[in-house]
């Protein structure tokens, strides 16, 4: 028995050392710049990226330490990376540590009783239902363009009570593509891209859904994959490449695809509106797509864009990721962002991430009546906004 425990500890220790080396955590200078910009740390949590690295370096083990619980507090938003002079990839380190905490620590506080976590795998092997498309929207059995819808059809019934409309994003995407003369195809049994599984440390689960999707993508014969979800985009483009050698075709976020062709859309003049844009973590810091969403908004007549003080590379995370950490601190983060957005004079906060839209909408519908009245700002998804502006 003791030999088994010793062997397991050694394996864990070696894996941690490898993670520290791969993510350049060994370069940490303990300067604290990461902690200074961490949205979790400066809102009163004991969590600190710097302290976490120091603990891991000192113990090289996750068992009976403070490291295991701490890895679930991190939002993996990447703000710390923007300030780190040593090039430490904290989000990647967190992901590796989570993969090693299986059976060691408690799981994080999950949204909606963990119901959404099960979505990651339920579509495997099931034909993709197309009833969500709605009248007038056209898809083809074969096309040069594949629309990767993601989990939007599955999220929709779970979040409608907070005012979010994930299916409006999916339908809006098809409407936009149709307006450009494109009838995209859909995967016959698309599963979740695997983002949430991967960032929750479930590498085996991620591999399973990724291989399922990849087989269909390679059989589709498409030239390009377009998705409205930043998490799907980053996962298909980067994580599939690292784990499976890539999808073999170009992967574009819809903002990339649309920014190049926005002039071709028959956009009508909207009412005069002032909007501010929230940069999602996976689209902004992880993928570097800051200008494209703003180019799209600028092309809508009647819209004026104002910036929040924390935008682009230093924009704040919406407060929850992979449906985890959905507690009081997340709500405080969301309300802080909403209040800052409202202070710009904007009537709408626009984002290009379905989960950000869900979390922000949820925050405006708290049971606290005073808080609900205080937030008059409305939240919109970028692509449903564009779809509504089409003539």
Protein backbone atom coordinates (compact mmCIF):
# COMPACT_ATOMS: atom_id res chain seq x y z
CA UNK A 1 0.00 0.00 0.00
CA UNK A 2 2.75 2.44 0.98
CA UNK A 3 4.59 1.66 -2.23
CA UNK A 4 1.48 2.55 -4.25
CA UNK A 5 1.08 5.88 -2.47
CA UNK A 6 4.76 6.67 -2.89
CA UNK A 7 4.63 5.83 -6.58
CA UNK A 8 1.52 7.99 -7.05
CA UNK A 9 3.12 10.91 -5.21
CA UNK A 10 6.25 10.63 -7.33
CA UNK A 11 4.21 10.59 -10.54
CA UNK A 12 2.24 13.64 -9.39
CA UNK A 13 5.42 15.45 -8.38
CA UNK A 14 7.02 14.78 -11.75
CA UNK A 15 3.90 15.96 -13.58
CA UNK A 16 3.86 19.18 -11.56
CA UNK A 17 7.52 19.82 -12.29
CA UNK A 18 6.83 19.31 -16.00
CA UNK A 19 3.90 21.72 -15.84
CA UNK A 20 6.03 24.32 -14.09
CA UNK A 21 8.66 24.05 -16.81
CA UNK A 22 6.24 24.08 -19.75
CA UNK A 23 4.38 27.15 -18.49
CA UNK A 24 7.60 29.00 -17.56
CA UNK A 25 6.45 29.25 -13.94
CA UNK A 26 10.04 28.60 -12.88
CA UNK A 27 10.81 32.10 -14.14
CA UNK A 28 8.47 33.71 -11.58
CA UNK A 29 10.17 36.64 -9.85
CA UNK A 30 7.53 36.96 -7.11
CA UNK A 31 7.02 40.61 -8.09
CA UNK A 32 3.26 40.43 -7.49
CA UNK A 33 2.20 42.20 -10.69
CA UNK A 34 -0.03 39.24 -11.55
CA UNK A 35 -1.86 39.45 -8.23
CA UNK A 36 -2.24 43.22 -8.55
CA UNK A 37 -4.37 42.85 -11.70
CA UNK A 38 -6.13 39.60 -10.78
CA UNK A 39 -9.89 40.34 -10.62
CA UNK A 40 -10.35 37.64 -7.99
CA UNK A 41 -7.50 38.83 -5.76
CA UNK A 42 -8.35 42.53 -5.67
CA UNK A 43 -11.99 41.84 -4.85
CA UNK A 44 -11.08 40.42 -1.48
CA UNK A 45 -10.26 36.77 -2.15
CA UNK A 46 -7.21 35.13 -0.60
CA UNK A 47 -6.29 33.82 -4.05
CA UNK A 48 -3.02 35.06 -5.54
CA UNK A 49 -1.36 33.84 -8.75
CA UNK A 50 2.04 34.64 -7.26
CA UNK A 51 1.31 32.81 -4.01
CA UNK A 52 -0.03 29.80 -5.92
CA UNK A 53 3.17 29.48 -7.93
CA UNK A 54 5.26 29.84 -4.78
CA UNK A 55 3.23 27.12 -3.04
CA UNK A 56 3.59 24.73 -5.94
CA UNK A 57 7.32 25.40 -6.19
CA UNK A 58 7.75 24.82 -2.47
CA UNK A 59 5.65 21.65 -2.18
CA UNK A 60 5.61 20.09 -5.65
CA UNK A 61 2.52 18.19 -4.56
CA UNK A 62 -1.22 18.74 -4.58
CA UNK A 63 -2.06 16.37 -1.74
CA UNK A 64 -2.89 17.91 1.67
CA UNK A 65 -1.87 21.37 0.53
CA UNK A 66 -3.50 24.71 -0.17
CA UNK A 67 -2.82 24.32 -3.86
CA UNK A 68 -5.67 21.96 -4.75
CA UNK A 69 -8.56 24.24 -3.62
CA UNK A 70 -6.85 27.34 -5.03
CA UNK A 71 -6.70 26.08 -8.62
CA UNK A 72 -10.50 26.25 -8.84
CA UNK A 73 -10.67 29.89 -7.79
CA UNK A 74 -8.73 31.17 -10.81
CA UNK A 75 -10.83 32.49 -13.72
CA UNK A 76 -8.07 31.64 -16.25
CA UNK A 77 -8.84 35.04 -17.77
CA UNK A 78 -5.21 35.85 -18.61
CA UNK A 79 -5.00 39.40 -17.22
CA UNK A 80 -2.00 38.26 -15.18
CA UNK A 81 -0.21 37.20 -18.37
CA UNK A 82 -0.54 40.72 -19.73
CA UNK A 83 1.43 42.07 -16.77
CA UNK A 84 3.95 39.28 -16.21
CA UNK A 85 7.50 40.31 -17.16
CA UNK A 86 8.69 36.70 -17.02
CA UNK A 87 6.27 35.21 -19.53
CA UNK A 88 4.55 32.88 -17.07
CA UNK A 89 1.45 31.29 -18.61
CA UNK A 90 -0.70 31.15 -15.49
CA UNK A 91 -3.91 29.92 -17.20
CA UNK A 92 -2.05 26.98 -18.74
CA UNK A 93 -0.50 26.15 -15.37
CA UNK A 94 -3.93 26.22 -13.72
CA UNK A 95 -5.31 23.89 -16.36
CA UNK A 96 -2.50 21.39 -15.84
CA UNK A 97 -2.89 21.53 -12.07
CA UNK A 98 -6.63 20.95 -12.36
CA UNK A 99 -5.98 17.82 -14.38
CA UNK A 100 -3.87 16.59 -11.44
CA UNK A 101 -6.37 17.42 -8.70
CA UNK A 102 -8.83 14.68 -9.61
CA UNK A 103 -9.89 13.04 -6.36
CA UNK A 104 -7.81 15.47 -4.30
CA UNK A 105 -9.92 18.59 -3.92
CA UNK A 106 -13.54 19.56 -3.95
CA UNK A 107 -14.98 20.63 -7.26
CA UNK A 108 -15.76 24.32 -7.80
CA UNK A 109 -19.12 25.97 -7.29
CA UNK A 110 -21.01 25.12 -10.48
CA UNK A 111 -23.76 27.11 -12.13
CA UNK A 112 -27.31 25.74 -12.14
CA UNK A 113 -26.53 22.68 -10.08
CA UNK A 114 -23.93 21.44 -12.57
CA UNK A 115 -26.65 20.74 -15.17
CA UNK A 116 -24.75 22.66 -17.84
CA UNK A 117 -21.58 20.62 -17.23
CA UNK A 118 -23.33 17.52 -18.54
CA UNK A 119 -23.98 19.27 -21.85
CA UNK A 120 -20.37 18.73 -22.84
CA UNK A 121 -20.96 15.12 -23.81
CA UNK A 122 -24.68 14.50 -24.29
CA UNK A 123 -24.64 15.21 -28.03
CA UNK A 124 -22.06 12.54 -28.87
CA UNK A 125 -23.55 10.15 -31.41
CA UNK A 126 -26.88 11.95 -31.59
CA UNK A 127 -28.11 13.55 -34.82
CA UNK A 128 -28.03 17.34 -34.60
CA UNK A 129 -31.56 18.67 -34.44
CA UNK A 130 -32.19 21.59 -36.76
CA UNK A 131 -35.56 22.67 -35.41
CA UNK A 132 -33.90 25.71 -33.82
CA UNK A 133 -33.22 27.24 -37.23
CA UNK A 134 -36.57 28.94 -37.61
CA UNK A 135 -38.42 29.98 -40.78
CA UNK A 136 -36.47 31.48 -43.66
CA UNK A 137 -33.05 30.33 -42.46
CA UNK A 138 -31.16 28.11 -44.87
CA UNK A 139 -28.45 25.51 -44.34
CA UNK A 140 -27.08 23.02 -46.86
CA UNK A 141 -26.12 19.37 -46.62
CA UNK A 142 -22.78 20.22 -48.28
CA UNK A 143 -21.05 23.59 -48.28
CA UNK A 144 -17.64 25.23 -48.31
CA UNK A 145 -18.52 26.83 -44.97
CA UNK A 146 -19.20 24.83 -41.82
CA UNK A 147 -21.05 26.57 -39.02
CA UNK A 148 -19.96 25.20 -35.66
CA UNK A 149 -22.92 26.07 -33.46
CA UNK A 150 -21.50 24.86 -30.17
CA UNK A 151 -23.74 24.33 -27.18
CA UNK A 152 -26.10 27.23 -27.90
CA UNK A 153 -29.18 25.04 -28.57
CA UNK A 154 -28.58 23.21 -25.29
CA UNK A 155 -27.93 26.32 -23.17
CA UNK A 156 -31.04 28.11 -24.39
CA UNK A 157 -33.75 26.46 -22.29
CA UNK A 158 -31.58 26.68 -19.16
CA UNK A 159 -30.95 30.43 -19.31
CA UNK A 160 -34.08 31.97 -20.79
CA UNK A 161 -35.31 32.89 -17.32
CA UNK A 162 -32.45 35.41 -16.98
CA UNK A 163 -33.21 37.06 -20.30
CA UNK A 164 -30.39 35.50 -22.31
CA UNK A 165 -31.21 34.12 -25.74
CA UNK A 166 -28.44 31.81 -27.00
CA UNK A 167 -30.58 30.60 -29.89
CA UNK A 168 -30.92 34.19 -31.12
CA UNK A 169 -27.12 34.11 -31.57
CA UNK A 170 -27.27 30.85 -33.53
CA UNK A 171 -30.18 32.04 -35.69
CA UNK A 172 -28.58 35.45 -36.14
CA UNK A 173 -25.41 33.79 -37.38
CA UNK A 174 -27.29 31.82 -40.03
CA UNK A 175 -29.24 34.94 -41.03
CA UNK A 176 -25.99 36.89 -41.47
CA UNK A 177 -24.37 34.12 -43.51
CA UNK A 178 -27.49 33.79 -45.67
CA UNK A 179 -27.43 37.55 -46.29
CA UNK A 180 -23.90 37.09 -47.62
CA UNK A 181 -25.14 34.42 -50.01
CA UNK A 182 -23.80 31.53 -47.89
CA UNK A 183 -25.75 28.46 -46.90
CA UNK A 184 -23.51 26.81 -44.31
CA UNK A 185 -23.56 23.15 -43.45
CA UNK A 186 -23.80 21.73 -39.94
CA UNK A 187 -22.11 18.67 -38.51
CA UNK A 188 -24.51 15.72 -38.48
CA UNK A 189 -23.97 15.09 -34.74
CA UNK A 190 -21.95 17.99 -33.40
CA UNK A 191 -20.83 17.67 -29.79
CA UNK A 192 -19.52 20.38 -27.49
CA UNK A 193 -16.09 21.58 -28.62
CA UNK A 194 -14.69 20.36 -25.29
CA UNK A 195 -13.57 23.73 -23.92
CA UNK A 196 -15.21 23.30 -20.52
CA UNK A 197 -13.97 19.75 -20.10
CA UNK A 198 -10.40 20.77 -20.91
CA UNK A 199 -10.38 23.77 -18.56
CA UNK A 200 -11.92 21.67 -15.80
CA UNK A 201 -8.97 19.28 -16.06
CA UNK A 202 -10.85 16.44 -17.78
CA UNK A 203 -8.37 15.72 -20.56
CA UNK A 204 -9.85 12.31 -21.35
CA UNK A 205 -13.33 13.78 -21.74
CA UNK A 206 -11.95 16.54 -23.95
CA UNK A 207 -10.13 14.03 -26.14
CA UNK A 208 -13.32 12.03 -26.56
CA UNK A 209 -15.50 14.90 -27.79
CA UNK A 210 -12.68 16.39 -29.87
CA UNK A 211 -12.09 13.14 -31.74
CA UNK A 212 -15.85 12.79 -32.31
CA UNK A 213 -16.05 16.26 -33.85
CA UNK A 214 -12.81 15.94 -35.78
CA UNK A 215 -13.97 12.82 -37.64
CA UNK A 216 -17.03 14.68 -38.88
CA UNK A 217 -15.10 17.82 -39.78
CA UNK A 218 -12.68 15.83 -41.93
CA UNK A 219 -15.58 14.04 -43.63
CA UNK A 220 -17.41 17.31 -44.34
CA UNK A 221 -15.10 18.53 -47.11
CA UNK A 222 -15.45 22.16 -46.02
CA UNK A 223 -12.86 24.89 -46.60
CA UNK A 224 -13.53 26.96 -43.49
CA UNK A 225 -15.18 26.63 -40.09
CA UNK A 226 -17.03 29.64 -38.71
CA UNK A 227 -18.29 29.89 -35.13
CA UNK A 228 -19.87 32.73 -33.11
CA UNK A 229 -18.40 31.38 -29.85
CA UNK A 230 -14.90 32.53 -28.73
CA UNK A 231 -14.44 29.37 -26.68
CA UNK A 232 -15.27 27.12 -29.64
CA UNK A 233 -12.97 29.24 -31.81
CA UNK A 234 -9.98 29.04 -29.47
CA UNK A 235 -10.56 25.34 -28.82
CA UNK A 236 -10.98 24.29 -32.45
CA UNK A 237 -8.11 26.43 -33.68
CA UNK A 238 -5.55 26.05 -30.90
CA UNK A 239 -6.41 23.14 -28.63
CA UNK A 240 -7.35 20.72 -31.41
CA UNK A 241 -4.06 21.58 -33.10
CA UNK A 242 -2.08 20.85 -29.94
CA UNK A 243 -3.94 17.65 -29.02
CA UNK A 244 -4.99 16.19 -32.37
CA UNK A 245 -2.82 17.87 -34.98
CA UNK A 246 -5.48 20.36 -36.06
CA UNK A 247 -8.76 20.24 -37.96
CA UNK A 248 -7.13 20.58 -41.38
CA UNK A 249 -9.12 23.63 -42.47
CA UNK A 250 -9.20 27.32 -41.58
CA UNK A 251 -11.03 28.20 -38.37
CA UNK A 252 -12.51 31.70 -38.05
CA UNK A 253 -14.46 33.44 -35.38
CA UNK A 254 -17.53 35.06 -36.90
CA UNK A 255 -16.14 38.50 -36.06
CA UNK A 256 -13.06 37.74 -38.20
CA UNK A 257 -15.18 36.44 -41.04
CA UNK A 258 -17.70 39.25 -40.89
CA UNK A 259 -15.27 42.16 -40.46
CA UNK A 260 -13.88 41.45 -43.94
CA UNK A 261 -17.34 41.40 -45.53
CA UNK A 262 -19.40 43.75 -43.40
CA UNK A 263 -19.73 46.15 -46.35
CA UNK A 264 -21.65 43.49 -48.28
CA UNK A 265 -24.46 43.31 -45.75
CA UNK A 266 -27.69 45.28 -46.34
CA UNK A 267 -27.63 46.98 -42.94
CA UNK A 268 -30.34 49.55 -42.32
CA UNK A 269 -29.99 52.60 -40.12
CA UNK A 270 -30.92 51.81 -36.55
CA UNK A 271 -32.15 54.22 -33.93
CA UNK A 272 -29.44 56.40 -32.43
CA UNK A 273 -27.77 54.22 -29.82
CA UNK A 274 -24.68 54.51 -27.65
CA UNK A 275 -23.04 51.15 -26.95
CA UNK A 276 -19.93 49.92 -25.19
CA UNK A 277 -18.15 46.70 -26.04
CA UNK A 278 -16.90 44.05 -23.60
CA UNK A 279 -13.88 42.04 -24.78
CA UNK A 280 -14.33 38.33 -23.93
CA UNK A 281 -11.20 36.65 -22.51
CA UNK A 282 -10.92 33.89 -25.12
CA UNK A 283 -11.55 36.28 -28.02
CA UNK A 284 -9.36 39.11 -26.77
CA UNK A 285 -6.36 38.12 -24.66
CA UNK A 286 -6.27 34.52 -25.90
CA UNK A 287 -6.86 35.20 -29.61
CA UNK A 288 -5.98 38.85 -30.12
CA UNK A 289 -9.28 39.76 -31.79
CA UNK A 290 -9.98 43.27 -30.52
CA UNK A 291 -10.53 45.36 -33.66
CA UNK A 292 -12.89 43.11 -35.61
CA UNK A 293 -15.91 43.37 -33.28
CA UNK A 294 -15.46 47.13 -33.13
CA UNK A 295 -15.24 47.34 -36.94
CA UNK A 296 -18.55 45.51 -37.16
CA UNK A 297 -20.23 47.82 -34.65
CA UNK A 298 -18.85 50.88 -36.44
CA UNK A 299 -20.49 49.70 -39.65
CA UNK A 300 -24.00 49.87 -38.15
CA UNK A 301 -25.50 53.31 -38.92
CA UNK A 302 -26.75 55.12 -35.85
CA UNK A 303 -24.44 53.35 -33.40
CA UNK A 304 -21.88 55.26 -31.36
CA UNK A 305 -19.21 53.24 -29.54
CA UNK A 306 -17.75 54.40 -26.24
CA UNK A 307 -14.99 52.53 -24.43
CA UNK A 308 -14.84 51.46 -20.82
CA UNK A 309 -11.66 52.31 -18.91
CA UNK A 310 -10.81 48.60 -18.74
CA UNK A 311 -10.98 47.35 -22.29
CA UNK A 312 -9.04 45.36 -24.87
CA UNK A 313 -6.07 43.56 -23.26
CA UNK A 314 -7.03 44.71 -19.75
CA UNK A 315 -10.76 44.09 -20.04
CA UNK A 316 -12.19 42.23 -17.08
CA UNK A 317 -13.44 38.66 -17.22
CA UNK A 318 -17.21 38.27 -16.83
CA UNK A 319 -16.54 36.56 -13.50
CA UNK A 320 -17.12 32.89 -14.30
CA UNK A 321 -15.65 30.41 -16.75
CA UNK A 322 -16.57 26.88 -17.80
CA UNK A 323 -19.72 27.41 -15.71
CA UNK A 324 -17.59 27.37 -12.56
CA UNK A 325 -17.21 29.78 -9.63
CA UNK A 326 -20.74 31.09 -10.04
CA UNK A 327 -21.00 32.63 -6.58
CA UNK A 328 -21.03 35.97 -4.78
CA UNK A 329 -17.60 37.03 -6.06
CA UNK A 330 -18.64 36.35 -9.66
CA UNK A 331 -21.78 38.45 -9.21
CA UNK A 332 -19.78 41.29 -7.71
CA UNK A 333 -17.43 41.17 -10.70
CA UNK A 334 -20.31 41.24 -13.15
CA UNK A 335 -22.05 44.12 -11.40
CA UNK A 336 -18.81 46.10 -11.29
CA UNK A 337 -18.43 45.72 -15.05
CA UNK A 338 -22.06 46.58 -15.71
CA UNK A 339 -21.84 49.72 -13.59
CA UNK A 340 -18.67 50.81 -15.36
CA UNK A 341 -20.36 50.19 -18.70
CA UNK A 342 -23.36 52.24 -17.58
CA UNK A 343 -21.09 55.08 -16.46
CA UNK A 344 -19.94 55.53 -20.07
CA UNK A 345 -23.43 56.71 -21.00
CA UNK A 346 -24.10 53.62 -23.08
CA UNK A 347 -27.57 52.10 -23.29
CA UNK A 348 -26.24 48.68 -24.28
CA UNK A 349 -23.32 46.52 -23.30
CA UNK A 350 -22.40 44.46 -26.35
CA UNK A 351 -20.29 41.33 -26.15
CA UNK A 352 -19.27 38.63 -28.61
CA UNK A 353 -19.39 35.70 -26.19
CA UNK A 354 -22.59 33.75 -25.48
CA UNK A 355 -21.54 32.95 -21.91
CA UNK A 356 -20.65 36.57 -21.15
CA UNK A 357 -24.12 37.57 -22.33
CA UNK A 358 -25.67 34.93 -20.08
CA UNK A 359 -23.64 35.90 -17.01
CA UNK A 360 -24.24 39.63 -17.43
CA UNK A 361 -27.95 39.15 -17.96
CA UNK A 362 -28.10 36.93 -14.90
CA UNK A 363 -26.38 39.60 -12.81
CA UNK A 364 -28.99 42.20 -13.75
CA UNK A 365 -31.77 39.93 -12.57
CA UNK A 366 -30.73 39.31 -9.00
CA UNK A 367 -33.36 38.97 -6.27
CA UNK A 368 -32.12 42.24 -4.78
CA UNK A 369 -34.65 44.73 -6.15
CA UNK A 370 -32.42 47.71 -5.43
CA UNK A 371 -29.60 46.22 -7.48
CA UNK A 372 -31.94 45.35 -10.34
CA UNK A 373 -33.22 48.92 -10.47
CA UNK A 374 -29.68 50.30 -10.32
CA UNK A 375 -28.63 48.47 -13.49
CA UNK A 376 -30.59 49.93 -16.39
CA UNK A 377 -28.08 48.91 -19.01
CA UNK A 378 -29.20 46.22 -21.44
CA UNK A 379 -26.93 43.42 -22.62
CA UNK A 380 -26.79 42.32 -26.26
CA UNK A 381 -24.80 39.83 -28.27
CA UNK A 382 -22.91 41.35 -31.19
CA UNK A 383 -24.25 39.00 -33.84
CA UNK A 384 -27.90 39.08 -32.82
CA UNK A 385 -27.54 42.88 -32.90
CA UNK A 386 -26.18 42.75 -36.47
CA UNK A 387 -28.89 40.29 -37.52
CA UNK A 388 -31.59 42.64 -36.21
CA UNK A 389 -30.04 45.49 -38.22
CA UNK A 390 -30.29 43.62 -41.54
CA UNK A 391 -32.78 45.07 -43.97
